[in-house]
Amino acid sequence: MNKVDIAEKFTLFTEEWTPKIIAESNGQLVKIAKGSGELVWHQHDNEDELFIVFKGKLTLQMRDKNIELGIGEMYVVPRGVEHCPLAEPNTHFMMIEPAQTAHTGSVSDDVTVALEDQHWI
């Protein structure tokens, strides 16, 4: 594997809420995405989901609290916790999660990206 320039990878796409795979390690996928507004309420029954913000502000809404992440901050949403990412316009973030993690858990919505449609960039 070659080194990855994360900032450059963010320049290669404009779609929002569509994870792009940039690396794999021990069955975990490293994905980046851009977001504005709200995604969809969902949960991952069997997987934790780690978020790291590179640009903007990402709020991880949960039923009992909100976690606000700025540049350089991270949070792990524990498995089974319902959450809804909310992003300021043009927020850039990374997710690290098991390869089998469905984009929006068991929720299917217009913004859901199927596992087979998540591509490497």
Protein backbone atom coordinates (compact mmCIF):
# COMPACT_ATOMS: atom_id res chain seq x y z
CA MET A 1 0.00 0.00 0.00
CA ASN A 2 1.15 3.52 -0.79
CA LYS A 3 0.81 6.43 1.60
CA VAL A 4 -2.53 8.21 1.47
CA ASP A 5 -2.91 11.99 1.23
CA ILE A 6 -6.25 12.43 2.99
CA ALA A 7 -6.65 16.10 2.01
CA GLU A 8 -6.14 15.15 -1.64
CA LYS A 9 -8.70 12.35 -1.37
CA PHE A 10 -11.34 14.86 -0.24
CA THR A 11 -10.80 16.79 -3.51
CA LEU A 12 -11.72 13.76 -5.63
CA PHE A 13 -15.48 13.83 -4.97
CA THR A 14 -18.34 16.22 -4.28
CA GLU A 15 -21.17 13.88 -3.23
CA GLU A 16 -22.40 14.21 0.33
CA TRP A 17 -23.13 11.37 2.75
CA THR A 18 -21.53 8.87 0.34
CA PRO A 19 -18.60 7.15 2.09
CA LYS A 20 -15.45 6.55 0.02
CA ILE A 21 -13.01 3.84 1.08
CA ILE A 22 -9.38 4.95 1.34
CA ALA A 23 -7.77 2.08 3.31
CA GLU A 24 -8.34 -1.27 4.97
CA SER A 25 -6.65 -2.66 8.07
CA ASN A 26 -7.49 -5.88 9.91
CA GLY A 27 -11.02 -6.03 8.54
CA GLN A 28 -11.69 -2.37 9.32
CA LEU A 29 -12.44 0.07 6.50
CA VAL A 30 -11.20 3.64 6.64
CA LYS A 31 -13.78 5.80 4.87
CA ILE A 32 -14.08 9.51 4.22
CA ALA A 33 -17.20 11.49 3.46
CA LYS A 34 -18.55 15.00 3.13
CA GLY A 35 -21.79 16.07 4.69
CA SER A 36 -24.20 18.98 5.04
CA GLY A 37 -27.40 18.85 7.03
CA GLU A 38 -28.79 15.67 8.51
CA LEU A 39 -28.23 12.06 7.42
CA VAL A 40 -30.85 9.69 8.90
CA TRP A 41 -31.50 8.17 12.33
CA HIS A 42 -30.00 4.69 12.45
CA GLN A 43 -27.94 2.29 14.52
CA HIS A 44 -25.40 -0.46 13.97
CA ASP A 45 -26.39 -3.42 16.12
CA ASN A 46 -23.04 -5.21 15.97
CA GLU A 47 -20.41 -2.57 15.20
CA ASP A 48 -18.95 0.54 16.82
CA GLU A 49 -18.45 3.51 14.47
CA LEU A 50 -15.55 5.93 14.88
CA PHE A 51 -15.82 9.49 13.49
CA ILE A 52 -12.94 11.98 13.06
CA VAL A 53 -13.56 15.51 11.73
CA PHE A 54 -11.13 17.13 9.27
CA LYS A 55 -13.15 20.21 8.27
CA GLY A 56 -16.28 21.85 9.64
CA LYS A 57 -18.41 20.60 12.51
CA LEU A 58 -20.20 17.28 12.91
CA THR A 59 -22.84 16.73 15.56
CA LEU A 60 -23.63 13.14 16.44
CA GLN A 61 -27.21 13.36 17.63
CA MET A 62 -28.27 10.60 19.97
CA ARG A 63 -31.56 10.16 21.78
CA ASP A 64 -30.08 11.20 25.15
CA LYS A 65 -27.32 13.65 24.14
CA ASN A 66 -25.47 15.35 21.31
CA ILE A 67 -21.74 15.05 20.71
CA GLU A 68 -20.30 18.04 18.82
CA LEU A 69 -17.05 17.40 16.98
CA GLY A 70 -14.77 20.06 15.55
CA ILE A 71 -11.61 19.75 13.50
CA GLY A 72 -9.26 17.14 14.94
CA GLU A 73 -11.85 15.67 17.31
CA MET A 74 -13.19 12.13 17.31
CA TYR A 75 -15.87 10.04 18.93
CA VAL A 76 -16.86 6.38 18.87
CA VAL A 77 -20.59 5.68 18.65
CA PRO A 78 -21.03 2.39 20.52
CA ARG A 79 -22.78 -0.48 18.80
CA GLY A 80 -26.53 -0.44 19.25
CA VAL A 81 -26.75 3.31 19.92
CA GLU A 82 -29.20 5.11 17.65
CA HIS A 83 -27.62 8.21 16.13
CA CYS A 84 -28.09 10.77 13.39
CA PRO A 85 -25.09 12.69 12.05
CA LEU A 86 -25.74 16.40 11.49
CA ALA A 87 -23.11 18.42 9.63
CA GLU A 88 -22.43 22.08 9.00
CA PRO A 89 -22.21 22.78 5.25
CA ASN A 90 -19.20 21.10 3.59
CA THR A 91 -18.01 19.17 6.64
CA HIS A 92 -15.30 16.57 5.93
CA PHE A 93 -14.93 13.54 8.18
CA MET A 94 -13.52 10.04 8.43
CA MET A 95 -15.16 6.86 9.69
CA ILE A 96 -13.40 3.69 10.76
CA GLU A 97 -15.64 0.66 11.01
CA PRO A 98 -15.77 -3.07 10.25
CA ALA A 99 -16.07 -3.86 6.54
CA GLN A 100 -19.56 -5.35 6.98
CA THR A 101 -21.01 -2.17 8.55
CA ALA A 102 -24.07 -1.01 6.60
CA HIS A 103 -24.10 2.73 5.85
CA THR A 104 -27.37 3.44 7.66
CA GLY A 105 -27.71 0.21 9.61
CA SER A 106 -31.03 -1.53 8.96
CA VAL A 107 -32.62 1.75 7.79
CA SER A 108 -33.07 2.12 4.03
CA ASP A 109 -33.48 5.69 2.86
CA ASP A 110 -32.81 7.76 -0.27
CA VAL A 111 -29.36 8.61 1.12
CA THR A 112 -28.42 5.01 1.99
CA VAL A 113 -25.38 3.70 0.10
CA ALA A 114 -25.35 -0.09 -0.18
CA LEU A 115 -22.15 -1.91 0.81
CA GLU A 116 -21.54 -2.97 -2.78
CA ASP A 117 -21.85 0.65 -3.92
CA GLN A 118 -19.19 2.00 -1.56
CA HIS A 119 -16.08 2.44 -3.67
CA TRP A 120 -12.36 2.97 -3.21
CA ILE A 121 -10.91 6.30 -4.26
